[in-house]
Amino acid sequence: MSRKLLAVIALLLPSIAIADMELDTLKNKASYAIGVDVARSIKNRGLDLDTDALIQGMRDETAGDTRLDMSEMA
């Protein structure tokens, strides 16, 4: 998955808990659908990822403050 796509996904991630989210707007529904698609892709590829770390990485990239530099992510 490209970094640009991940950045777009990160921009769409809400900062509230998913369990409390109302899926009543187009933005929320689209964000949720993209999240399902990403998760399905990860699952279909057999990747064992930490979902919390994945989401935190998206949030950090969106904020422009990643915890790892590019060499550590390669």
N, C-alpha and C. Protein backbone atom coordinates (compact mmCIF):
# COMPACT_ATOMS: atom_id res chain seq x y z
N MET A 1 0.84 -1.16 0.00
CA MET A 1 0.00 0.00 0.00
C MET A 1 0.90 1.23 0.00
N SER A 2 0.57 2.22 -0.79
CA SER A 2 1.42 3.39 -0.92
C SER A 2 1.32 4.30 0.29
N ARG A 3 2.36 5.07 0.50
CA ARG A 3 2.37 6.02 1.62
C ARG A 3 1.30 7.09 1.43
N LYS A 4 1.04 7.47 0.18
CA LYS A 4 0.01 8.47 -0.08
C LYS A 4 -1.36 7.97 0.35
N LEU A 5 -1.65 6.70 0.03
CA LEU A 5 -2.93 6.13 0.43
C LEU A 5 -3.04 6.07 1.94
N LEU A 6 -1.96 5.66 2.61
CA LEU A 6 -1.97 5.62 4.07
C LEU A 6 -2.18 7.02 4.65
N ALA A 7 -1.57 8.02 4.03
CA ALA A 7 -1.75 9.39 4.51
C ALA A 7 -3.20 9.83 4.37
N VAL A 8 -3.82 9.48 3.24
CA VAL A 8 -5.23 9.81 3.04
C VAL A 8 -6.09 9.13 4.09
N ILE A 9 -5.80 7.87 4.34
CA ILE A 9 -6.55 7.13 5.35
C ILE A 9 -6.38 7.79 6.71
N ALA A 10 -5.15 8.18 7.02
CA ALA A 10 -4.89 8.83 8.30
C ALA A 10 -5.67 10.12 8.45
N LEU A 11 -5.79 10.87 7.36
CA LEU A 11 -6.55 12.11 7.41
C LEU A 11 -8.02 11.86 7.71
N LEU A 12 -8.49 10.71 7.31
CA LEU A 12 -9.90 10.40 7.49
C LEU A 12 -10.20 9.76 8.84
N LEU A 13 -9.16 9.34 9.56
CA LEU A 13 -9.38 8.69 10.85
C LEU A 13 -9.91 9.69 11.86
N PRO A 14 -10.98 9.37 12.51
CA PRO A 14 -11.49 10.27 13.55
C PRO A 14 -10.64 10.15 14.81
N SER A 15 -10.67 11.17 15.63
CA SER A 15 -9.88 11.14 16.86
C SER A 15 -10.70 10.65 18.05
N ILE A 16 -11.93 10.21 17.79
CA ILE A 16 -12.74 9.63 18.86
C ILE A 16 -12.75 8.12 18.72
N ALA A 17 -13.15 7.44 19.76
CA ALA A 17 -13.18 5.98 19.73
C ALA A 17 -14.19 5.49 18.71
N ILE A 18 -13.81 4.45 17.97
CA ILE A 18 -14.68 3.89 16.94
C ILE A 18 -15.99 3.39 17.55
N ALA A 19 -15.92 2.80 18.73
CA ALA A 19 -17.12 2.24 19.35
C ALA A 19 -18.18 3.30 19.61
N ASP A 20 -17.75 4.54 19.81
CA ASP A 20 -18.67 5.62 20.11
C ASP A 20 -19.10 6.39 18.87
N MET A 21 -18.57 6.04 17.72
CA MET A 21 -18.80 6.80 16.51
C MET A 21 -20.15 6.50 15.89
N GLU A 22 -20.82 7.54 15.50
CA GLU A 22 -22.04 7.42 14.72
C GLU A 22 -21.63 7.41 13.25
N LEU A 23 -22.12 6.46 12.51
CA LEU A 23 -21.82 6.39 11.08
C LEU A 23 -22.98 7.02 10.32
N ASP A 24 -23.18 8.30 10.57
CA ASP A 24 -24.35 8.97 10.01
C ASP A 24 -24.01 10.07 8.99
N THR A 25 -22.73 10.27 8.72
CA THR A 25 -22.35 11.25 7.70
C THR A 25 -21.59 10.54 6.59
N LEU A 26 -21.55 11.17 5.45
CA LEU A 26 -20.82 10.59 4.32
C LEU A 26 -19.35 10.42 4.66
N LYS A 27 -18.77 11.41 5.34
CA LYS A 27 -17.35 11.33 5.72
C LYS A 27 -17.10 10.16 6.67
N ASN A 28 -17.96 9.99 7.67
CA ASN A 28 -17.81 8.87 8.61
C ASN A 28 -17.97 7.53 7.90
N LYS A 29 -18.97 7.44 7.04
CA LYS A 29 -19.20 6.19 6.32
C LYS A 29 -18.04 5.87 5.39
N ALA A 30 -17.53 6.89 4.67
CA ALA A 30 -16.41 6.67 3.76
C ALA A 30 -15.16 6.28 4.55
N SER A 31 -14.92 6.95 5.67
CA SER A 31 -13.77 6.63 6.51
C SER A 31 -13.85 5.20 7.02
N TYR A 32 -15.01 4.82 7.48
CA TYR A 32 -15.21 3.46 7.99
C TYR A 32 -15.01 2.44 6.87
N ALA A 33 -15.57 2.72 5.70
CA ALA A 33 -15.43 1.79 4.57
C ALA A 33 -13.97 1.63 4.16
N ILE A 34 -13.22 2.73 4.17
CA ILE A 34 -11.79 2.64 3.84
C ILE A 34 -11.07 1.82 4.90
N GLY A 35 -11.42 2.02 6.16
CA GLY A 35 -10.82 1.24 7.24
C GLY A 35 -11.09 -0.25 7.08
N VAL A 36 -12.32 -0.59 6.72
CA VAL A 36 -12.67 -2.00 6.48
C VAL A 36 -11.86 -2.55 5.32
N ASP A 37 -11.74 -1.75 4.25
CA ASP A 37 -10.98 -2.19 3.08
C ASP A 37 -9.51 -2.41 3.41
N VAL A 38 -8.92 -1.50 4.16
CA VAL A 38 -7.51 -1.65 4.55
C VAL A 38 -7.34 -2.89 5.42
N ALA A 39 -8.22 -3.07 6.39
CA ALA A 39 -8.14 -4.24 7.27
C ALA A 39 -8.31 -5.53 6.50
N ARG A 40 -9.23 -5.54 5.55
CA ARG A 40 -9.45 -6.72 4.72
C ARG A 40 -8.19 -7.03 3.90
N SER A 41 -7.56 -6.00 3.36
CA SER A 41 -6.34 -6.17 2.58
C SER A 41 -5.22 -6.74 3.45
N ILE A 42 -5.08 -6.21 4.65
CA ILE A 42 -4.06 -6.71 5.58
C ILE A 42 -4.33 -8.17 5.91
N LYS A 43 -5.58 -8.47 6.21
CA LYS A 43 -5.98 -9.84 6.57
C LYS A 43 -5.75 -10.80 5.41
N ASN A 44 -6.14 -10.40 4.19
CA ASN A 44 -5.98 -11.26 3.02
C ASN A 44 -4.53 -11.54 2.69
N ARG A 45 -3.64 -10.64 3.07
CA ARG A 45 -2.21 -10.84 2.81
C ARG A 45 -1.55 -11.64 3.92
N GLY A 46 -2.31 -11.97 4.93
CA GLY A 46 -1.78 -12.78 6.02
C GLY A 46 -0.81 -12.03 6.93
N LEU A 47 -0.92 -10.70 6.94
CA LEU A 47 -0.02 -9.91 7.77
C LEU A 47 -0.51 -9.89 9.21
N ASP A 48 0.41 -10.04 10.13
CA ASP A 48 0.09 -10.00 11.55
C ASP A 48 0.56 -8.66 12.08
N LEU A 49 -0.33 -7.67 12.07
CA LEU A 49 0.02 -6.32 12.48
C LEU A 49 -0.71 -5.94 13.76
N ASP A 50 -0.12 -5.03 14.50
CA ASP A 50 -0.74 -4.47 15.69
C ASP A 50 -1.62 -3.31 15.22
N THR A 51 -2.92 -3.48 15.28
CA THR A 51 -3.86 -2.48 14.79
C THR A 51 -3.69 -1.15 15.51
N ASP A 52 -3.47 -1.18 16.81
CA ASP A 52 -3.30 0.06 17.56
C ASP A 52 -2.06 0.83 17.08
N ALA A 53 -0.95 0.11 16.83
CA ALA A 53 0.27 0.76 16.34
C ALA A 53 0.06 1.29 14.92
N LEU A 54 -0.68 0.55 14.10
CA LEU A 54 -0.99 0.99 12.74
C LEU A 54 -1.75 2.32 12.76
N ILE A 55 -2.79 2.37 13.57
CA ILE A 55 -3.60 3.58 13.66
C ILE A 55 -2.78 4.73 14.25
N GLN A 56 -1.95 4.43 15.26
CA GLN A 56 -1.11 5.49 15.85
C GLN A 56 -0.13 6.03 14.82
N GLY A 57 0.43 5.15 13.99
CA GLY A 57 1.33 5.60 12.93
C GLY A 57 0.62 6.52 11.96
N MET A 58 -0.62 6.22 11.63
CA MET A 58 -1.40 7.09 10.75
C MET A 58 -1.65 8.44 11.40
N ARG A 59 -2.00 8.42 12.66
CA ARG A 59 -2.24 9.69 13.37
C ARG A 59 -0.95 10.51 13.46
N ASP A 60 0.17 9.85 13.78
CA ASP A 60 1.44 10.56 13.89
C ASP A 60 1.85 11.17 12.56
N GLU A 61 1.70 10.42 11.47
CA GLU A 61 2.05 10.94 10.14
C GLU A 61 1.18 12.14 9.79
N THR A 62 -0.10 12.05 10.09
CA THR A 62 -1.01 13.16 9.82
C THR A 62 -0.60 14.40 10.60
N ALA A 63 -0.15 14.21 11.83
CA ALA A 63 0.29 15.33 12.67
C ALA A 63 1.68 15.82 12.29
N GLY A 64 2.37 15.06 11.42
CA GLY A 64 3.71 15.45 11.00
C GLY A 64 4.77 15.18 12.05
N ASP A 65 4.52 14.19 12.90
CA ASP A 65 5.45 13.91 14.00
C ASP A 65 5.58 12.40 14.20
N THR A 66 6.25 11.73 13.27
CA THR A 66 6.41 10.28 13.40
C THR A 66 7.49 9.95 14.42
N ARG A 67 7.34 8.83 15.07
CA ARG A 67 8.27 8.41 16.12
C ARG A 67 9.50 7.70 15.57
N LEU A 68 9.39 7.18 14.36
CA LEU A 68 10.51 6.48 13.71
C LEU A 68 10.93 7.28 12.49
N ASP A 69 12.24 7.26 12.19
CA ASP A 69 12.67 7.91 10.95
C ASP A 69 12.55 6.91 9.80
N MET A 70 12.72 7.40 8.59
CA MET A 70 12.50 6.58 7.39
C MET A 70 13.37 5.33 7.38
N SER A 71 14.61 5.41 7.87
CA SER A 71 15.48 4.24 7.87
C SER A 71 14.96 3.15 8.81
N GLU A 72 14.29 3.55 9.88
CA GLU A 72 13.74 2.58 10.82
C GLU A 72 12.45 1.94 10.29
N MET A 73 11.82 2.58 9.32
CA MET A 73 10.56 2.07 8.77
C MET A 73 10.77 1.23 7.52
N ALA A 74 11.99 1.19 7.01
CA ALA A 74 12.24 0.47 5.76
C ALA A 74 12.20 -1.02 5.95
